[in-house]
Amino acid sequence: MSKKTKSINILLEFILWILSIVTIYPILMVVMTSFKTKGEASYLNASLPTNWQFANYMTVFDNNFLQSFGNSIFITGLGVLLILIFSSILSYVLTRRDTKECRIMYKVISFGIIAPFAALPTIQLLRGVHLYGSRIGLVLVYSALYMPFSVMMFSSFIKEIPRELDEAAVVDGAIGFKLFTKTILPLLKPVIATTGVLNFMWVWNELQIPMYLLNSSSKWTLPLSVYNFFGQYSRSWNLVCADVVMVSIPVVLVYIFAQKYIIAGMTAGAVKG
């Protein structure tokens, strides 16, 4: 190994250590602060608590945590389910019907990946259909917002599935929707897992959109529950951090157990056989 190469490796290792510290410190600070008293937590640092306040988590749990958890489960579960159903079917149609209209539609849908969320038009639209402030309205917004990315993922995967499978299924009597469910859908398990986990994390962690579209605290999702511990003149940072830790646990668990499926789904179909 040359002296120049060794110097570059040392520099890269140093940069990676800096990035690791920058990433880990906020997480450590939140976890440590969640066990502190209100006064000690106001300093917002990663020092160990003087007295470990495990009761902070019980306080958070008693402040409508289960209600917010139920809202998050309903909204995230239904939202991800709709995204997977419609994006997989739409991707199959757009990919197999290689017409000019389908190509244009795919480009228009793909533009939605970079299109920003427009709060005022969305609120006006939901009010027009009497869904503003409802959980169903929020589910539909999530479905529309995250579907473009999902369509792109499914389309890239379906393009690698040979058309001969479709033709063989038609010969066996599978036509229309049956062709998709019996032949194509079983092959989409890797990309379904990947897209499902990614959308789960995005929808579960979303803070801004439900803040605009849910007008009642009884319908709040878990990320919004942190506002239970913000007052006009005071902020209970220890309870806020405890709430953040509890909100993050489901996402961390899902990612840990689905990590191999995410990698498999992203790499499957990347190389043609």
C-alpha atoms as a PDB file:
ATOM      1  CA  MET A   1       0.000   0.000   0.000  1.00  0.00           C
ATOM      2  CA  SER A   2       1.463   3.344  -1.051  1.00  0.00           C
ATOM      3  CA  LYS A   3       1.857   6.261   1.321  1.00  0.00           C
ATOM      4  CA  LYS A   4      -0.746   8.265  -0.618  1.00  0.00           C
ATOM      5  CA  THR A   5      -3.322   5.458  -0.460  1.00  0.00           C
ATOM      6  CA  LYS A   6      -2.710   5.005   3.253  1.00  0.00           C
ATOM      7  CA  SER A   7      -3.226   8.734   3.862  1.00  0.00           C
ATOM      8  CA  ILE A   8      -6.500   8.686   1.912  1.00  0.00           C
ATOM      9  CA  ASN A   9      -7.751   5.693   3.925  1.00  0.00           C
ATOM     10  CA  ILE A  10      -6.898   7.432   7.196  1.00  0.00           C
ATOM     11  CA  LEU A  11      -8.717  10.574   6.046  1.00  0.00           C
ATOM     12  CA  LEU A  12     -11.787   8.579   4.995  1.00  0.00           C
ATOM     13  CA  GLU A  13     -11.810   6.717   8.297  1.00  0.00           C
ATOM     14  CA  PHE A  14     -11.606  10.017  10.173  1.00  0.00           C
ATOM     15  CA  ILE A  15     -14.524  11.432   8.172  1.00  0.00           C
ATOM     16  CA  LEU A  16     -16.598   8.309   8.859  1.00  0.00           C
ATOM     17  CA  TRP A  17     -15.896   8.601  12.583  1.00  0.00           C
ATOM     18  CA  ILE A  18     -17.015  12.238  12.542  1.00  0.00           C
ATOM     19  CA  LEU A  19     -20.205  11.341  10.657  1.00  0.00           C
ATOM     20  CA  SER A  20     -20.892   8.489  13.083  1.00  0.00           C
ATOM     21  CA  ILE A  21     -20.538  10.790  16.081  1.00  0.00           C
ATOM     22  CA  VAL A  22     -22.771  13.414  14.468  1.00  0.00           C
ATOM     23  CA  THR A  23     -25.408  10.729  13.846  1.00  0.00           C
ATOM     24  CA  ILE A  24     -25.189   8.916  17.183  1.00  0.00           C
ATOM     25  CA  TYR A  25     -24.985  11.929  19.520  1.00  0.00           C
ATOM     26  CA  PRO A  26     -28.579  13.213  18.953  1.00  0.00           C
ATOM     27  CA  ILE A  27     -29.943   9.690  19.469  1.00  0.00           C
ATOM     28  CA  LEU A  28     -27.938   9.272  22.655  1.00  0.00           C
ATOM     29  CA  MET A  29     -29.048  12.706  23.859  1.00  0.00           C
ATOM     30  CA  VAL A  30     -32.732  11.870  23.349  1.00  0.00           C
ATOM     31  CA  VAL A  31     -32.427   8.522  25.142  1.00  0.00           C
ATOM     32  CA  MET A  32     -30.513   9.984  28.102  1.00  0.00           C
ATOM     33  CA  THR A  33     -32.832  12.999  28.389  1.00  0.00           C
ATOM     34  CA  SER A  34     -35.863  10.710  28.509  1.00  0.00           C
ATOM     35  CA  PHE A  35     -34.676   9.414  31.903  1.00  0.00           C
ATOM     36  CA  LYS A  36     -33.957  12.819  33.474  1.00  0.00           C
ATOM     37  CA  THR A  37     -35.971  15.176  35.653  1.00  0.00           C
ATOM     38  CA  LYS A  38     -37.622  18.182  34.023  1.00  0.00           C
ATOM     39  CA  GLY A  39     -34.975  20.581  35.320  1.00  0.00           C
ATOM     40  CA  GLU A  40     -32.042  18.397  34.355  1.00  0.00           C
ATOM     41  CA  ALA A  41     -33.538  17.706  30.919  1.00  0.00           C
ATOM     42  CA  SER A  42     -33.650  21.426  30.070  1.00  0.00           C
ATOM     43  CA  TYR A  43     -29.878  21.368  29.415  1.00  0.00           C
ATOM     44  CA  LEU A  44     -30.405  18.974  26.462  1.00  0.00           C
ATOM     45  CA  ASN A  45     -27.126  17.084  26.607  1.00  0.00           C
ATOM     46  CA  ALA A  46     -26.093  13.433  26.482  1.00  0.00           C
ATOM     47  CA  SER A  47     -24.862  13.210  30.066  1.00  0.00           C
ATOM     48  CA  LEU A  48     -26.094  10.401  32.298  1.00  0.00           C
ATOM     49  CA  PRO A  49     -29.084  11.259  34.523  1.00  0.00           C
ATOM     50  CA  THR A  50     -28.367  11.985  38.181  1.00  0.00           C
ATOM     51  CA  ASN A  51     -31.440   9.951  39.110  1.00  0.00           C
ATOM     52  CA  TRP A  52     -32.967   7.664  36.507  1.00  0.00           C
ATOM     53  CA  GLN A  53     -36.629   8.666  36.074  1.00  0.00           C
ATOM     54  CA  PHE A  54     -38.267   5.559  34.604  1.00  0.00           C
ATOM     55  CA  ALA A  55     -41.606   7.066  35.605  1.00  0.00           C
ATOM     56  CA  ASN A  56     -41.305   9.432  32.623  1.00  0.00           C
ATOM     57  CA  TYR A  57     -42.380   6.597  30.349  1.00  0.00           C
ATOM     58  CA  MET A  58     -45.423   5.843  32.483  1.00  0.00           C
ATOM     59  CA  THR A  59     -46.380   9.530  32.361  1.00  0.00           C
ATOM     60  CA  VAL A  60     -46.173   9.474  28.571  1.00  0.00           C
ATOM     61  CA  PHE A  61     -48.144   6.226  28.429  1.00  0.00           C
ATOM     62  CA  ASP A  62     -50.928   7.721  30.573  1.00  0.00           C
ATOM     63  CA  ASN A  63     -51.276  10.789  28.301  1.00  0.00           C
ATOM     64  CA  ASN A  64     -53.458   9.221  25.574  1.00  0.00           C
ATOM     65  CA  PHE A  65     -50.536   7.204  24.229  1.00  0.00           C
ATOM     66  CA  LEU A  66     -52.713   4.190  23.425  1.00  0.00           C
ATOM     67  CA  GLN A  67     -55.210   6.392  21.585  1.00  0.00           C
ATOM     68  CA  SER A  68     -52.466   7.914  19.439  1.00  0.00           C
ATOM     69  CA  PHE A  69     -50.937   4.467  18.935  1.00  0.00           C
ATOM     70  CA  GLY A  70     -54.265   3.135  17.670  1.00  0.00           C
ATOM     71  CA  ASN A  71     -54.603   6.077  15.277  1.00  0.00           C
ATOM     72  CA  SER A  72     -51.094   5.476  13.938  1.00  0.00           C
ATOM     73  CA  ILE A  73     -51.734   1.754  13.468  1.00  0.00           C
ATOM     74  CA  PHE A  74     -54.998   2.415  11.601  1.00  0.00           C
ATOM     75  CA  ILE A  75     -53.666   5.210   9.391  1.00  0.00           C
ATOM     76  CA  THR A  76     -50.313   3.581   8.652  1.00  0.00           C
ATOM     77  CA  GLY A  77     -51.707   0.089   8.127  1.00  0.00           C
ATOM     78  CA  LEU A  78     -54.542   1.135   5.816  1.00  0.00           C
ATOM     79  CA  GLY A  79     -52.380   3.680   4.001  1.00  0.00           C
ATOM     80  CA  VAL A  80     -49.590   1.205   3.251  1.00  0.00           C
ATOM     81  CA  LEU A  81     -52.126  -1.449   2.204  1.00  0.00           C
ATOM     82  CA  LEU A  82     -53.766   0.909  -0.315  1.00  0.00           C
ATOM     83  CA  ILE A  83     -50.381   2.017  -1.635  1.00  0.00           C
ATOM     84  CA  LEU A  84     -49.266  -1.570  -2.223  1.00  0.00           C
ATOM     85  CA  ILE A  85     -52.532  -2.673  -3.845  1.00  0.00           C
ATOM     86  CA  PHE A  86     -52.980   0.218  -6.265  1.00  0.00           C
ATOM     87  CA  SER A  87     -49.320   0.796  -7.119  1.00  0.00           C
ATOM     88  CA  SER A  88     -48.715  -2.890  -7.912  1.00  0.00           C
ATOM     89  CA  ILE A  89     -51.778  -3.140 -10.169  1.00  0.00           C
ATOM     90  CA  LEU A  90     -51.081   0.195 -11.855  1.00  0.00           C
ATOM     91  CA  SER A  91     -47.429  -0.702 -12.409  1.00  0.00           C
ATOM     92  CA  TYR A  92     -48.385  -4.001 -14.024  1.00  0.00           C
ATOM     93  CA  VAL A  93     -50.782  -2.304 -16.430  1.00  0.00           C
ATOM     94  CA  LEU A  94     -48.362   0.494 -17.348  1.00  0.00           C
ATOM     95  CA  THR A  95     -45.484  -1.942 -17.833  1.00  0.00           C
ATOM     96  CA  ARG A  96     -47.291  -4.587 -19.859  1.00  0.00           C
ATOM     97  CA  ARG A  97     -49.252  -2.137 -22.040  1.00  0.00           C
ATOM     98  CA  ASP A  98     -46.289  -0.494 -23.685  1.00  0.00           C
ATOM     99  CA  THR A  99     -48.271   2.236 -25.447  1.00  0.00           C
ATOM    100  CA  LYS A 100     -47.595   5.946 -25.860  1.00  0.00           C
ATOM    101  CA  GLU A 101     -50.400   6.806 -23.438  1.00  0.00           C
ATOM    102  CA  CYS A 102     -49.019   4.485 -20.754  1.00  0.00           C
ATOM    103  CA  ARG A 103     -45.520   5.899 -21.137  1.00  0.00           C
ATOM    104  CA  ILE A 104     -46.857   9.439 -20.742  1.00  0.00           C
ATOM    105  CA  MET A 105     -48.895   8.406 -17.698  1.00  0.00           C
ATOM    106  CA  TYR A 106     -45.829   6.775 -16.136  1.00  0.00           C
ATOM    107  CA  LYS A 107     -43.822   9.985 -16.587  1.00  0.00           C
ATOM    108  CA  VAL A 108     -46.615  12.076 -15.072  1.00  0.00           C
ATOM    109  CA  ILE A 109     -46.859   9.735 -12.076  1.00  0.00           C
ATOM    110  CA  SER A 110     -43.066   9.725 -11.665  1.00  0.00           C
ATOM    111  CA  PHE A 111     -43.120  13.520 -11.443  1.00  0.00           C
ATOM    112  CA  GLY A 112     -45.056  13.085  -8.206  1.00  0.00           C
ATOM    113  CA  ILE A 113     -41.857  11.842  -6.536  1.00  0.00           C
ATOM    114  CA  ILE A 114     -40.392  15.352  -6.583  1.00  0.00           C
ATOM    115  CA  ALA A 115     -43.656  17.300  -6.375  1.00  0.00           C
ATOM    116  CA  PRO A 116     -43.986  18.981  -2.944  1.00  0.00           C
ATOM    117  CA  PHE A 117     -46.987  18.547  -0.674  1.00  0.00           C
ATOM    118  CA  ALA A 118     -49.411  21.446  -1.175  1.00  0.00           C
ATOM    119  CA  ALA A 119     -51.301  21.995   2.072  1.00  0.00           C
ATOM    120  CA  LEU A 120     -53.943  24.563   1.069  1.00  0.00           C
ATOM    121  CA  PRO A 121     -55.205  22.832  -2.119  1.00  0.00           C
ATOM    122  CA  THR A 122     -55.281  19.517  -0.254  1.00  0.00           C
ATOM    123  CA  ILE A 123     -57.294  21.010   2.611  1.00  0.00           C
ATOM    124  CA  GLN A 124     -59.751  22.599   0.167  1.00  0.00           C
ATOM    125  CA  LEU A 125     -60.133  19.308  -1.707  1.00  0.00           C
ATOM    126  CA  LEU A 126     -60.773  17.332   1.480  1.00  0.00           C
ATOM    127  CA  ARG A 127     -63.309  19.909   2.647  1.00  0.00           C
ATOM    128  CA  GLY A 128     -65.070  19.605  -0.703  1.00  0.00           C
ATOM    129  CA  VAL A 129     -65.541  15.863  -0.224  1.00  0.00           C
ATOM    130  CA  HIS A 130     -66.217  16.225   3.541  1.00  0.00           C
ATOM    131  CA  LEU A 131     -63.093  14.334   4.593  1.00  0.00           C
ATOM    132  CA  TYR A 132     -61.092  17.149   6.183  1.00  0.00           C
ATOM    133  CA  GLY A 133     -60.117  16.286   9.735  1.00  0.00           C
ATOM    134  CA  SER A 134     -60.860  12.582   9.257  1.00  0.00           C
ATOM    135  CA  ARG A 135     -58.435   9.698   9.441  1.00  0.00           C
ATOM    136  CA  ILE A 136     -59.715   8.319   6.119  1.00  0.00           C
ATOM    137  CA  GLY A 137     -58.894  11.632   4.439  1.00  0.00           C
ATOM    138  CA  LEU A 138     -55.342  11.436   5.773  1.00  0.00           C
ATOM    139  CA  VAL A 139     -55.028   7.832   4.558  1.00  0.00           C
ATOM    140  CA  LEU A 140     -56.045   8.877   1.031  1.00  0.00           C
ATOM    141  CA  VAL A 141     -53.543  11.743   1.053  1.00  0.00           C
ATOM    142  CA  TYR A 142     -50.746   9.393   2.102  1.00  0.00           C
ATOM    143  CA  SER A 143     -51.758   6.926  -0.607  1.00  0.00           C
ATOM    144  CA  ALA A 144     -51.568   9.588  -3.303  1.00  0.00           C
ATOM    145  CA  LEU A 145     -48.375  11.136  -1.931  1.00  0.00           C
ATOM    146  CA  TYR A 146     -46.280   7.960  -1.696  1.00  0.00           C
ATOM    147  CA  MET A 147     -47.723   6.036  -4.641  1.00  0.00           C
ATOM    148  CA  PRO A 148     -45.379   7.526  -7.304  1.00  0.00           C
ATOM    149  CA  PHE A 149     -42.282   6.092  -5.606  1.00  0.00           C
ATOM    150  CA  SER A 150     -44.019   2.738  -5.168  1.00  0.00           C
ATOM    151  CA  VAL A 151     -45.067   2.672  -8.830  1.00  0.00           C
ATOM    152  CA  MET A 152     -41.462   3.276  -9.829  1.00  0.00           C
ATOM    153  CA  MET A 153     -40.279   0.414  -7.593  1.00  0.00           C
ATOM    154  CA  PHE A 154     -42.907  -2.046  -8.834  1.00  0.00           C
ATOM    155  CA  SER A 155     -42.453  -1.065 -12.491  1.00  0.00           C
ATOM    156  CA  SER A 156     -38.691  -1.614 -12.357  1.00  0.00           C
ATOM    157  CA  PHE A 157     -39.268  -5.069 -10.884  1.00  0.00           C
ATOM    158  CA  ILE A 158     -42.093  -6.120 -13.228  1.00  0.00           C
ATOM    159  CA  LYS A 159     -40.045  -5.187 -16.309  1.00  0.00           C
ATOM    160  CA  GLU A 160     -37.668  -8.029 -15.426  1.00  0.00           C
ATOM    161  CA  ILE A 161     -40.479 -10.616 -15.350  1.00  0.00           C
ATOM    162  CA  PRO A 162     -40.612 -12.382 -18.759  1.00  0.00           C
ATOM    163  CA  ARG A 163     -43.784 -11.839 -20.768  1.00  0.00           C
ATOM    164  CA  GLU A 164     -43.728 -15.546 -21.566  1.00  0.00           C
ATOM    165  CA  LEU A 165     -45.117 -16.145 -18.079  1.00  0.00           C
ATOM    166  CA  ASP A 166     -48.161 -14.045 -18.965  1.00  0.00           C
ATOM    167  CA  GLU A 167     -48.654 -15.929 -22.202  1.00  0.00           C
ATOM    168  CA  ALA A 168     -48.352 -19.306 -20.474  1.00  0.00           C
ATOM    169  CA  ALA A 169     -50.870 -18.227 -17.840  1.00  0.00           C
ATOM    170  CA  VAL A 170     -53.325 -17.106 -20.525  1.00  0.00           C
ATOM    171  CA  VAL A 171     -53.028 -20.506 -22.197  1.00  0.00           C
ATOM    172  CA  ASP A 172     -53.879 -22.083 -18.817  1.00  0.00           C
ATOM    173  CA  GLY A 173     -57.006 -19.938 -18.616  1.00  0.00           C
ATOM    174  CA  ALA A 174     -55.798 -17.081 -16.397  1.00  0.00           C
ATOM    175  CA  ILE A 175     -56.992 -13.801 -17.866  1.00  0.00           C
ATOM    176  CA  GLY A 176     -57.610 -10.290 -16.554  1.00  0.00           C
ATOM    177  CA  PHE A 177     -57.231  -9.773 -12.821  1.00  0.00           C
ATOM    178  CA  LYS A 178     -56.717 -13.506 -12.264  1.00  0.00           C
ATOM    179  CA  LEU A 179     -53.596 -13.335 -14.446  1.00  0.00           C
ATOM    180  CA  PHE A 180     -52.131 -10.699 -12.137  1.00  0.00           C
ATOM    181  CA  THR A 181     -53.063 -12.314  -8.821  1.00  0.00           C
ATOM    182  CA  LYS A 182     -52.140 -15.904  -9.729  1.00  0.00           C
ATOM    183  CA  THR A 183     -49.039 -15.361 -11.875  1.00  0.00           C
ATOM    184  CA  ILE A 184     -47.434 -11.971 -11.252  1.00  0.00           C
ATOM    185  CA  LEU A 185     -48.313 -11.150  -7.648  1.00  0.00           C
ATOM    186  CA  PRO A 186     -46.481 -14.154  -6.094  1.00  0.00           C
ATOM    187  CA  LEU A 187     -43.295 -13.005  -7.848  1.00  0.00           C
ATOM    188  CA  LEU A 188     -43.546  -9.526  -6.327  1.00  0.00           C
ATOM    189  CA  LYS A 189     -42.906 -10.572  -2.718  1.00  0.00           C
ATOM    190  CA  PRO A 190     -39.401  -9.005  -2.493  1.00  0.00           C
ATOM    191  CA  VAL A 191     -40.490  -5.621  -3.842  1.00  0.00           C
ATOM    192  CA  ILE A 192     -43.709  -5.740  -1.787  1.00  0.00           C
ATOM    193  CA  ALA A 193     -41.618  -6.189   1.362  1.00  0.00           C
ATOM    194  CA  THR A 194     -39.248  -3.381   0.414  1.00  0.00           C
ATOM    195  CA  THR A 195     -41.937  -0.920  -0.607  1.00  0.00           C
ATOM    196  CA  GLY A 196     -44.130  -1.832   2.352  1.00  0.00           C
ATOM    197  CA  VAL A 197     -41.386  -1.267   4.934  1.00  0.00           C
ATOM    198  CA  LEU A 198     -40.240   2.021   3.397  1.00  0.00           C
ATOM    199  CA  ASN A 199     -43.784   3.365   3.204  1.00  0.00           C
ATOM    200  CA  PHE A 200     -44.460   2.186   6.754  1.00  0.00           C
ATOM    201  CA  MET A 201     -41.501   4.186   8.053  1.00  0.00           C
ATOM    202  CA  TRP A 202     -42.447   7.295   6.065  1.00  0.00           C
ATOM    203  CA  VAL A 203     -46.114   7.284   7.045  1.00  0.00           C
ATOM    204  CA  TRP A 204     -45.472   6.358  10.694  1.00  0.00           C
ATOM    205  CA  ASN A 205     -42.907   9.136  11.186  1.00  0.00           C
ATOM    206  CA  GLU A 206     -44.797  11.857   9.300  1.00  0.00           C
ATOM    207  CA  LEU A 207     -45.414  14.934  11.436  1.00  0.00           C
ATOM    208  CA  GLN A 208     -46.240  17.855   9.165  1.00  0.00           C
ATOM    209  CA  ILE A 209     -49.114  16.425   7.111  1.00  0.00           C
ATOM    210  CA  PRO A 210     -51.291  15.145  10.006  1.00  0.00           C
ATOM    211  CA  MET A 211     -50.639  18.458  11.756  1.00  0.00           C
ATOM    212  CA  TYR A 212     -52.394  20.197   8.851  1.00  0.00           C
ATOM    213  CA  LEU A 213     -55.125  17.659   8.171  1.00  0.00           C
ATOM    214  CA  LEU A 214     -56.214  16.437  11.628  1.00  0.00           C
ATOM    215  CA  ASN A 215     -58.159  19.099  13.527  1.00  0.00           C
ATOM    216  CA  SER A 216     -58.816  17.079  16.687  1.00  0.00           C
ATOM    217  CA  SER A 217     -56.321  15.800  19.262  1.00  0.00           C
ATOM    218  CA  SER A 218     -58.392  12.614  19.582  1.00  0.00           C
ATOM    219  CA  LYS A 219     -57.248  11.702  16.050  1.00  0.00           C
ATOM    220  CA  TRP A 220     -53.585  12.556  16.528  1.00  0.00           C
ATOM    221  CA  THR A 221     -50.951  10.070  15.445  1.00  0.00           C
ATOM    222  CA  LEU A 222     -47.964   9.221  17.665  1.00  0.00           C
ATOM    223  CA  PRO A 223     -45.574  11.858  16.242  1.00  0.00           C
ATOM    224  CA  LEU A 224     -48.140  14.542  17.139  1.00  0.00           C
ATOM    225  CA  SER A 225     -48.430  13.259  20.694  1.00  0.00           C
ATOM    226  CA  VAL A 226     -45.267  15.179  21.638  1.00  0.00           C
ATOM    227  CA  TYR A 227     -47.429  18.308  21.761  1.00  0.00           C
ATOM    228  CA  ASN A 228     -49.083  16.917  24.886  1.00  0.00           C
ATOM    229  CA  PHE A 229     -45.932  17.993  26.722  1.00  0.00           C
ATOM    230  CA  PHE A 230     -45.554  21.471  25.257  1.00  0.00           C
ATOM    231  CA  GLY A 231     -47.154  24.360  27.118  1.00  0.00           C
ATOM    232  CA  GLN A 232     -47.307  28.075  26.381  1.00  0.00           C
ATOM    233  CA  TYR A 233     -44.623  28.872  28.942  1.00  0.00           C
ATOM    234  CA  SER A 234     -42.913  25.541  29.627  1.00  0.00           C
ATOM    235  CA  ARG A 235     -41.621  22.462  27.858  1.00  0.00           C
ATOM    236  CA  SER A 236     -41.128  19.085  29.490  1.00  0.00           C
ATOM    237  CA  TRP A 237     -38.163  17.929  27.428  1.00  0.00           C
ATOM    238  CA  ASN A 238     -37.795  14.758  29.481  1.00  0.00           C
ATOM    239  CA  LEU A 239     -41.331  13.694  28.549  1.00  0.00           C
ATOM    240  CA  VAL A 240     -40.903  14.841  24.954  1.00  0.00           C
ATOM    241  CA  CYS A 241     -37.798  12.674  24.602  1.00  0.00           C
ATOM    242  CA  ALA A 242     -39.509   9.727  26.293  1.00  0.00           C
ATOM    243  CA  ASP A 243     -42.366  10.095  23.820  1.00  0.00           C
ATOM    244  CA  VAL A 244     -39.932  10.248  20.884  1.00  0.00           C
ATOM    245  CA  VAL A 245     -38.228   7.052  22.063  1.00  0.00           C
ATOM    246  CA  MET A 246     -41.557   5.226  22.340  1.00  0.00           C
ATOM    247  CA  VAL A 247     -42.663   6.471  18.916  1.00  0.00           C
ATOM    248  CA  SER A 248     -39.398   5.297  17.344  1.00  0.00           C
ATOM    249  CA  ILE A 249     -39.426   1.766  18.762  1.00  0.00           C
ATOM    250  CA  PRO A 250     -41.932   0.262  16.238  1.00  0.00           C
ATOM    251  CA  VAL A 251     -40.026   1.716  13.284  1.00  0.00           C
ATOM    252  CA  VAL A 252     -36.690   0.453  14.585  1.00  0.00           C
ATOM    253  CA  LEU A 253     -38.117  -3.036  15.173  1.00  0.00           C
ATOM    254  CA  VAL A 254     -39.714  -3.177  11.723  1.00  0.00           C
ATOM    255  CA  TYR A 255     -36.478  -2.078  10.086  1.00  0.00           C
ATOM    256  CA  ILE A 256     -34.353  -4.576  12.043  1.00  0.00           C
ATOM    257  CA  PHE A 257     -36.560  -7.555  11.181  1.00  0.00           C
ATOM    258  CA  ALA A 258     -37.207  -6.483   7.571  1.00  0.00           C
ATOM    259  CA  GLN A 259     -33.688  -5.317   6.758  1.00  0.00           C
ATOM    260  CA  LYS A 260     -32.824  -8.353   4.633  1.00  0.00           C
ATOM    261  CA  TYR A 261     -36.081  -8.003   2.680  1.00  0.00           C
ATOM    262  CA  ILE A 262     -35.363  -4.345   1.953  1.00  0.00           C
ATOM    263  CA  ILE A 263     -31.940  -5.207   0.532  1.00  0.00           C
ATOM    264  CA  ALA A 264     -33.329  -8.171  -1.421  1.00  0.00           C
ATOM    265  CA  GLY A 265     -36.123  -6.066  -2.897  1.00  0.00           C
ATOM    266  CA  MET A 266     -33.777  -3.280  -3.957  1.00  0.00           C
ATOM    267  CA  THR A 267     -31.303  -5.634  -5.625  1.00  0.00           C
ATOM    268  CA  ALA A 268     -33.783  -8.110  -7.139  1.00  0.00           C
ATOM    269  CA  GLY A 269     -34.242  -7.495 -10.827  1.00  0.00           C
ATOM    270  CA  ALA A 270     -31.211  -5.213 -10.965  1.00  0.00           C
ATOM    271  CA  VAL A 271     -29.346  -7.675 -13.187  1.00  0.00           C
ATOM    272  CA  LYS A 272     -31.013  -9.407 -16.091  1.00  0.00           C
ATOM    273  CA  GLY A 273     -30.628 -13.147 -16.361  1.00  0.00           C
END
